[in-house]
């Protein structure tokens, strides 16, 4: 009996060690897989974190991310975080060198990039959160920069804190959600800003970024969040929550954010991590189906199992999805390429790698669905 117990313990130890040394692979069938930002190539950089990707008006891909220099700590713990970028002019096959687009003197940091593409003016807005750790420790400011040439150059930062946050929130832990916002069918620019003390609020612009405002209706529970416009014109916010229930929360509004309906979304398990949700196709734009895409670390506990799902009924139900990477994976950002392929930019292996992957809808759905170019509207 004693021998059996000892043998059992040895087997458990071997199994445990084997599990810790599992090497996960990216599945076959993807069009492109490339590690865009890896700090191991530069001893002076601690890590890259917080991916954001969009498809520019001309079809180029613009990928941005935090370059965290002294440590991997978030904004309030690091005196040197820059935002850097790479661009692709060929659907992600090749990429430009890493270029710094937000870089303040030591002691001041910009973090958590997110972007909105304005297809009416062909401009890209990039938002980030700013802190001067030498003079105003723990005070968050909200900035935006703009590109009018598909991400090649950017203008000087604009502080929009007073436009999208109340004065009494000055010392609150507040931030614009990383990843991306949207442009609605009416031309409105729309994005998410979180105050951990006062709730998540949508903010937007009705004049293509000349001025900004926020909608004074708090949404909760909602930490880092993403907004999409549904086929009927209503808005849906898909939100991270840290309430330990292990699911996403969904908030919908049919009156442009004045009132919200909230539900816990049991289909979308989540460990409390940033995710991505985007419109893929819309019938009113000439496509055969309405489709939404959602990516996250599909796990109730632990940031693992990066998965992409499809919804064909405007977020009421979701497919089981396809795993892009079973191992450690955290923040992600989705985009639709000019040719209809899907781009996913995500943190891999405790953000040691920041991977761009490109795949087709056919691959994602195991040949059950495929992309068809939209019919020309009369």
Protein backbone atom coordinates (compact mmCIF):
# COMPACT_ATOMS: atom_id res chain seq x y z
CA UNK A 1 0.00 0.00 0.00
CA UNK A 2 2.83 2.37 0.87
CA UNK A 3 4.56 1.51 -2.43
CA UNK A 4 1.36 2.25 -4.38
CA UNK A 5 1.00 5.66 -2.74
CA UNK A 6 4.61 6.52 -3.54
CA UNK A 7 4.18 5.45 -7.15
CA UNK A 8 0.98 7.47 -7.42
CA UNK A 9 2.75 10.59 -6.12
CA UNK A 10 5.61 10.11 -8.61
CA UNK A 11 3.14 9.78 -11.47
CA UNK A 12 1.38 12.96 -10.35
CA UNK A 13 4.69 14.84 -10.22
CA UNK A 14 5.67 13.66 -13.70
CA UNK A 15 2.25 14.58 -15.09
CA UNK A 16 2.39 18.01 -13.47
CA UNK A 17 5.87 18.74 -14.84
CA UNK A 18 4.82 17.59 -18.31
CA UNK A 19 1.80 19.87 -18.20
CA UNK A 20 3.96 22.86 -17.27
CA UNK A 21 6.25 22.20 -20.23
CA UNK A 22 3.56 21.86 -22.88
CA UNK A 23 4.42 23.79 -26.01
CA UNK A 24 1.33 25.03 -27.82
CA UNK A 25 1.34 25.60 -31.55
CA UNK A 26 -0.57 28.00 -33.76
CA UNK A 27 -2.99 25.84 -35.80
CA UNK A 28 -2.37 25.24 -39.48
CA UNK A 29 -4.29 26.92 -42.25
CA UNK A 30 -3.68 30.58 -41.42
CA UNK A 31 -2.64 32.94 -44.19
CA UNK A 32 -0.12 34.79 -42.06
CA UNK A 33 1.48 34.53 -38.60
CA UNK A 34 4.07 37.10 -37.48
CA UNK A 35 5.42 38.32 -34.16
CA UNK A 36 5.29 42.10 -34.59
CA UNK A 37 6.68 43.30 -31.26
CA UNK A 38 9.09 41.28 -29.14
CA UNK A 39 11.18 42.91 -26.40
CA UNK A 40 13.74 40.11 -26.41
CA UNK A 41 15.28 41.80 -29.45
CA UNK A 42 16.08 44.94 -27.42
CA UNK A 43 17.63 44.80 -23.95
CA UNK A 44 16.55 48.36 -23.15
CA UNK A 45 12.83 47.53 -23.39
CA UNK A 46 11.04 45.54 -20.69
CA UNK A 47 8.05 44.48 -22.79
CA UNK A 48 5.43 45.40 -25.35
CA UNK A 49 1.79 45.35 -24.26
CA UNK A 50 -1.75 46.43 -25.21
CA UNK A 51 -2.25 45.73 -28.94
CA UNK A 52 -4.47 47.80 -31.22
CA UNK A 53 -4.97 47.29 -34.95
CA UNK A 54 -7.15 48.90 -37.63
CA UNK A 55 -7.46 48.81 -41.38
CA UNK A 56 -6.75 52.29 -42.73
CA UNK A 57 -9.03 53.94 -45.30
CA UNK A 58 -6.66 52.93 -48.12
CA UNK A 59 -6.47 49.29 -46.91
CA UNK A 60 -3.14 49.51 -45.09
CA UNK A 61 -2.89 47.87 -41.68
CA UNK A 62 -1.83 50.00 -38.71
CA UNK A 63 -0.72 48.14 -35.57
CA UNK A 64 0.11 50.09 -32.41
CA UNK A 65 1.19 49.00 -28.93
CA UNK A 66 2.78 50.16 -25.67
CA UNK A 67 6.57 50.12 -25.55
CA UNK A 68 7.19 49.73 -21.81
CA UNK A 69 10.76 50.61 -21.09
CA UNK A 70 11.84 50.23 -17.41
CA UNK A 71 9.24 47.59 -16.50
CA UNK A 72 6.06 45.93 -17.71
CA UNK A 73 4.05 47.93 -15.18
CA UNK A 74 0.93 49.84 -16.20
CA UNK A 75 0.77 53.62 -16.60
CA UNK A 76 0.75 54.58 -12.91
CA UNK A 77 3.86 52.48 -12.25
CA UNK A 78 6.08 53.40 -15.17
CA UNK A 79 7.85 56.66 -15.96
CA UNK A 80 8.61 55.64 -19.53
CA UNK A 81 5.90 54.14 -21.73
CA UNK A 82 5.86 55.08 -25.40
CA UNK A 83 3.40 54.10 -28.13
CA UNK A 84 4.96 52.54 -31.20
CA UNK A 85 3.62 51.44 -34.56
CA UNK A 86 4.19 49.16 -37.52
CA UNK A 87 2.34 49.40 -40.84
CA UNK A 88 1.64 46.92 -43.62
CA UNK A 89 0.76 47.86 -47.18
CA UNK A 90 0.16 44.28 -48.37
CA UNK A 91 -2.49 42.77 -46.06
CA UNK A 92 0.03 41.87 -43.37
CA UNK A 93 2.55 39.95 -45.49
CA UNK A 94 5.32 42.44 -44.70
CA UNK A 95 5.59 45.19 -42.09
CA UNK A 96 7.50 48.43 -41.66
CA UNK A 97 10.11 48.85 -38.94
CA UNK A 98 8.98 49.80 -35.45
CA UNK A 99 8.36 53.55 -35.24
CA UNK A 100 7.66 55.67 -32.15
CA UNK A 101 4.57 57.89 -32.51
CA UNK A 102 4.02 58.95 -28.86
CA UNK A 103 7.19 59.56 -26.87
CA UNK A 104 7.33 61.97 -23.91
CA UNK A 105 10.36 62.88 -21.76
CA UNK A 106 11.23 60.48 -18.94
CA UNK A 107 8.74 60.88 -16.12
CA UNK A 108 5.80 61.20 -18.50
CA UNK A 109 4.07 58.24 -20.13
CA UNK A 110 1.39 57.51 -22.73
CA UNK A 111 -0.32 54.13 -22.64
CA UNK A 112 -3.20 51.94 -23.86
CA UNK A 113 -3.57 52.84 -27.55
CA UNK A 114 -6.91 52.60 -29.32
CA UNK A 115 -8.02 53.79 -32.74
CA UNK A 116 -11.09 54.88 -34.68
CA UNK A 117 -11.14 55.05 -38.47
CA UNK A 118 -13.29 57.84 -39.89
CA UNK A 119 -14.21 56.62 -43.37
CA UNK A 120 -15.99 59.90 -44.13
CA UNK A 121 -12.82 61.99 -43.85
CA UNK A 122 -10.25 59.17 -44.35
CA UNK A 123 -8.63 59.96 -41.01
CA UNK A 124 -7.45 57.75 -38.15
CA UNK A 125 -7.78 58.88 -34.53
CA UNK A 126 -5.47 57.30 -31.97
CA UNK A 127 -6.36 57.68 -28.29
CA UNK A 128 -4.18 56.99 -25.27
CA UNK A 129 -3.99 57.71 -21.55
CA UNK A 130 -1.33 60.09 -20.25
CA UNK A 131 0.29 60.65 -16.87
CA UNK A 132 3.07 62.89 -15.60
CA UNK A 133 4.44 60.75 -12.80
CA UNK A 134 6.84 63.46 -11.62
CA UNK A 135 4.26 66.19 -11.05
CA UNK A 136 0.82 64.50 -10.86
CA UNK A 137 1.19 60.89 -9.79
CA UNK A 138 -2.08 58.95 -10.25
CA UNK A 139 -3.81 61.71 -12.26
CA UNK A 140 -4.95 60.42 -15.65
CA UNK A 141 -5.34 62.60 -18.74
CA UNK A 142 -6.99 61.49 -21.98
CA UNK A 143 -5.27 62.33 -25.25
CA UNK A 144 -5.87 61.91 -28.98
CA UNK A 145 -3.67 62.25 -32.07
CA UNK A 146 -4.77 62.09 -35.71
CA UNK A 147 -3.40 60.85 -39.01
CA UNK A 148 -4.65 62.03 -42.39
CA UNK A 149 -2.33 59.81 -44.43
CA UNK A 150 -3.24 56.28 -43.30
CA UNK A 151 -0.93 56.27 -40.30
CA UNK A 152 2.26 57.46 -41.96
CA UNK A 153 2.37 60.68 -39.92
CA UNK A 154 0.50 61.94 -36.85
CA UNK A 155 -0.30 65.40 -35.52
CA UNK A 156 0.51 66.73 -32.07
CA UNK A 157 -1.38 65.34 -29.05
CA UNK A 158 -4.64 66.98 -27.98
CA UNK A 159 -5.82 66.74 -24.39
CA UNK A 160 -9.58 65.98 -24.47
CA UNK A 161 -9.96 65.16 -20.76
CA UNK A 162 -12.27 68.08 -20.02
CA UNK A 163 -14.48 67.20 -22.99
CA UNK A 164 -15.12 63.55 -22.05
CA UNK A 165 -14.81 63.49 -18.24
CA UNK A 166 -16.39 65.48 -15.42
CA UNK A 167 -14.19 67.86 -13.35
CA UNK A 168 -15.01 65.88 -10.20
CA UNK A 169 -13.41 62.83 -11.80
CA UNK A 170 -10.03 64.57 -11.88
CA UNK A 171 -8.38 62.17 -9.44
CA UNK A 172 -10.41 59.10 -10.43
CA UNK A 173 -8.78 56.04 -11.96
CA UNK A 174 -10.09 56.72 -15.47
CA UNK A 175 -8.96 55.61 -18.90
CA UNK A 176 -9.98 55.24 -22.52
CA UNK A 177 -10.32 51.56 -23.32
CA UNK A 178 -7.52 50.17 -25.47
CA UNK A 179 -8.19 48.48 -28.80
CA UNK A 180 -10.63 50.42 -30.96
CA UNK A 181 -13.83 52.42 -31.18
CA UNK A 182 -16.25 52.68 -34.10
CA UNK A 183 -17.88 54.98 -36.61
CA UNK A 184 -21.64 54.43 -36.70
CA UNK A 185 -23.80 54.37 -39.83
CA UNK A 186 -24.73 58.02 -39.15
CA UNK A 187 -21.07 59.08 -39.17
CA UNK A 188 -20.77 59.46 -35.39
CA UNK A 189 -17.45 58.46 -33.82
CA UNK A 190 -18.02 56.39 -30.67
CA UNK A 191 -15.72 54.94 -28.00
CA UNK A 192 -15.56 53.76 -24.38
CA UNK A 193 -14.07 55.51 -21.34
CA UNK A 194 -13.98 53.91 -17.90
CA UNK A 195 -13.94 55.56 -14.50
CA UNK A 196 -13.62 52.83 -11.90
CA UNK A 197 -15.39 55.10 -9.40
CA UNK A 198 -18.13 56.43 -11.69
CA UNK A 199 -18.81 53.70 -14.24
CA UNK A 200 -18.12 53.18 -17.92
CA UNK A 201 -19.30 55.96 -20.25
CA UNK A 202 -19.47 56.21 -24.00
CA UNK A 203 -17.93 59.28 -25.60
CA UNK A 204 -18.12 60.46 -29.16
CA UNK A 205 -17.91 63.14 -31.80
CA UNK A 206 -20.52 64.37 -34.26
CA UNK A 207 -18.13 66.62 -36.18
CA UNK A 208 -15.39 64.14 -37.19
CA UNK A 209 -13.19 64.72 -34.19
CA UNK A 210 -13.18 68.51 -34.04
CA UNK A 211 -14.91 68.29 -30.65
CA UNK A 212 -15.75 65.43 -28.30
CA UNK A 213 -18.44 64.82 -25.68
CA UNK A 214 -19.48 62.03 -23.34
CA UNK A 215 -22.88 60.49 -22.73
CA UNK A 216 -23.72 61.00 -19.07
CA UNK A 217 -25.24 57.57 -18.46
CA UNK A 218 -22.97 55.23 -16.48
CA UNK A 219 -22.85 51.59 -17.57
CA UNK A 220 -22.10 48.87 -15.03
CA UNK A 221 -20.65 46.34 -14.60
CA UNK A 222 -18.15 47.38 -17.23
CA UNK A 223 -14.41 47.65 -17.06
CA UNK A 224 -12.54 47.66 -20.38
CA UNK A 225 -15.34 47.65 -22.98
CA UNK A 226 -16.02 47.67 -26.73
CA UNK A 227 -19.02 49.08 -28.58
CA UNK A 228 -20.59 47.93 -31.86
CA UNK A 229 -23.58 49.14 -33.83
CA UNK A 230 -26.23 46.51 -34.48
CA UNK A 231 -28.14 46.08 -37.74
CA UNK A 232 -31.17 47.94 -36.39
CA UNK A 233 -29.04 50.94 -35.41
CA UNK A 234 -28.95 50.17 -31.70
CA UNK A 235 -25.68 50.04 -29.78
CA UNK A 236 -24.20 47.08 -27.96
CA UNK A 237 -21.37 47.28 -25.43
CA UNK A 238 -19.43 44.10 -24.68
CA UNK A 239 -17.69 44.54 -21.34
CA UNK A 240 -15.01 43.00 -19.22
CA UNK A 241 -15.95 42.55 -15.58
CA UNK A 242 -13.77 41.68 -12.63
CA UNK A 243 -16.62 40.29 -10.51
CA UNK A 244 -15.17 36.74 -10.65
CA UNK A 245 -18.25 35.25 -12.34
CA UNK A 246 -16.09 34.39 -15.31
CA UNK A 247 -18.32 35.89 -18.04
CA UNK A 248 -18.66 38.99 -20.20
CA UNK A 249 -21.46 41.50 -19.70
CA UNK A 250 -23.55 42.85 -22.57
CA UNK A 251 -25.32 46.23 -22.49
CA UNK A 252 -27.68 47.36 -25.26
CA UNK A 253 -29.30 50.71 -26.00
CA UNK A 254 -31.88 51.66 -28.63
CA UNK A 255 -31.82 55.40 -27.84
CA UNK A 256 -28.13 56.26 -28.38
CA UNK A 257 -27.06 55.58 -24.83
CA UNK A 258 -29.72 57.29 -22.77
CA UNK A 259 -30.95 53.97 -21.32
CA UNK A 260 -29.29 50.56 -21.23
CA UNK A 261 -30.39 46.95 -20.80
CA UNK A 262 -27.79 44.76 -19.11
CA UNK A 263 -27.24 41.01 -19.01
CA UNK A 264 -24.48 38.63 -18.04
CA UNK A 265 -23.51 36.73 -21.18
CA UNK A 266 -22.96 33.13 -20.09
CA UNK A 267 -21.97 32.09 -23.62
CA UNK A 268 -18.87 34.28 -23.49
CA UNK A 269 -16.74 33.00 -20.65
CA UNK A 270 -13.90 35.32 -19.72
CA UNK A 271 -11.19 35.54 -17.02
CA UNK A 272 -11.53 39.32 -16.61
CA UNK A 273 -9.49 40.52 -19.57
CA UNK A 274 -9.76 42.95 -22.44
CA UNK A 275 -11.34 41.52 -25.60
CA UNK A 276 -12.38 42.64 -29.09
CA UNK A 277 -15.70 42.75 -30.92
CA UNK A 278 -16.21 44.14 -34.43
CA UNK A 279 -18.70 44.20 -37.28
CA UNK A 280 -17.59 41.81 -40.04
CA UNK A 281 -20.45 42.03 -42.53
CA UNK A 282 -23.86 43.64 -42.78
CA UNK A 283 -26.79 42.86 -45.08
CA UNK A 284 -27.52 46.57 -45.49
CA UNK A 285 -24.01 46.98 -46.92
CA UNK A 286 -24.74 44.36 -49.58
CA UNK A 287 -23.38 41.25 -47.86
CA UNK A 288 -25.25 37.94 -47.68
CA UNK A 289 -25.39 37.85 -43.85
CA UNK A 290 -25.03 39.95 -40.72
CA UNK A 291 -21.90 38.83 -38.88
CA UNK A 292 -20.10 39.97 -35.75
CA UNK A 293 -16.67 38.72 -34.67
CA UNK A 294 -15.48 38.37 -31.07
CA UNK A 295 -12.05 37.44 -29.72
CA UNK A 296 -10.91 36.80 -26.15
CA UNK A 297 -9.06 34.48 -23.83
CA UNK A 298 -11.82 31.88 -23.69
CA UNK A 299 -11.39 30.72 -20.11
CA UNK A 300 -13.22 31.38 -16.85
CA UNK A 301 -9.94 31.56 -14.98
CA UNK A 302 -6.50 32.30 -16.33
CA UNK A 303 -5.64 34.18 -19.49
CA UNK A 304 -5.35 31.32 -21.96
CA UNK A 305 -7.04 29.91 -25.06
CA UNK A 306 -7.27 32.82 -27.51
CA UNK A 307 -10.45 32.15 -29.47
CA UNK A 308 -12.41 33.88 -32.22
CA UNK A 309 -16.19 33.42 -32.55
CA UNK A 310 -18.89 34.47 -34.99
CA UNK A 311 -22.44 35.66 -34.32
CA UNK A 312 -25.07 35.55 -37.07
CA UNK A 313 -27.90 37.09 -35.02
CA UNK A 314 -26.37 40.33 -33.75
CA UNK A 315 -24.84 38.90 -30.59
CA UNK A 316 -27.80 36.87 -29.32
CA UNK A 317 -25.88 33.64 -29.86
CA UNK A 318 -22.28 32.83 -30.71
CA UNK A 319 -20.51 29.94 -32.35
CA UNK A 320 -18.25 27.77 -30.23
CA UNK A 321 -15.41 29.49 -32.01
CA UNK A 322 -11.99 28.41 -33.13
CA UNK A 323 -8.91 28.47 -30.95
CA UNK A 324 -6.06 30.50 -32.40
CA UNK A 325 -3.69 29.69 -29.52
CA UNK A 326 -4.32 27.40 -26.54
CA UNK A 327 -1.54 28.76 -24.38
CA UNK A 328 -1.07 32.01 -22.46
CA UNK A 329 -2.90 34.81 -24.28
CA UNK A 330 -4.45 38.05 -23.08
CA UNK A 331 -5.46 41.30 -24.83
CA UNK A 332 -6.56 41.10 -28.46
CA UNK A 333 -7.65 43.39 -31.28
CA UNK A 334 -9.54 42.38 -34.44
CA UNK A 335 -9.75 44.02 -37.86
CA UNK A 336 -11.23 43.20 -41.28
CA UNK A 337 -8.76 43.35 -44.14
CA UNK A 338 -9.50 44.88 -47.52
CA UNK A 339 -9.79 41.43 -49.13
CA UNK A 340 -12.20 40.13 -46.48
CA UNK A 341 -9.60 38.24 -44.45
CA UNK A 342 -9.67 38.61 -40.66
CA UNK A 343 -6.71 40.04 -38.78
CA UNK A 344 -6.12 39.24 -35.09
CA UNK A 345 -3.37 41.00 -33.12
CA UNK A 346 -2.91 39.55 -29.61
CA UNK A 347 -0.60 39.15 -26.63
CA UNK A 348 0.95 35.67 -26.54
CA UNK A 349 2.92 33.80 -23.85
CA UNK A 350 2.64 36.40 -21.09
CA UNK A 351 3.00 39.13 -23.74
CA UNK A 352 6.51 37.99 -24.68
CA UNK A 353 5.22 37.91 -28.23
CA UNK A 354 2.59 40.14 -29.81
CA UNK A 355 1.34 38.14 -32.72
CA UNK A 356 -0.45 39.19 -35.88
CA UNK A 357 -2.45 36.37 -37.43
CA UNK A 358 -4.46 36.48 -40.64
CA UNK A 359 -7.10 33.94 -41.63
CA UNK A 360 -10.23 33.54 -43.71
CA UNK A 361 -13.83 33.15 -42.59
CA UNK A 362 -13.72 29.75 -44.28
CA UNK A 363 -10.84 28.68 -42.01
CA UNK A 364 -12.51 30.16 -38.93
CA UNK A 365 -15.77 28.25 -39.53
CA UNK A 366 -14.18 24.99 -40.74
CA UNK A 367 -15.60 25.56 -44.25
CA UNK A 368 -19.17 26.12 -42.99
CA UNK A 369 -19.14 29.75 -44.11
CA UNK A 370 -17.10 31.87 -46.47
CA UNK A 371 -16.65 35.51 -47.37
CA UNK A 372 -18.44 36.78 -50.44
CA UNK A 373 -17.86 40.26 -51.74
CA UNK A 374 -20.90 42.51 -51.25
CA UNK A 375 -23.37 42.98 -54.06
CA UNK A 376 -23.29 46.36 -55.68
CA UNK A 377 -26.10 48.48 -54.35
CA UNK A 378 -28.34 50.17 -56.94
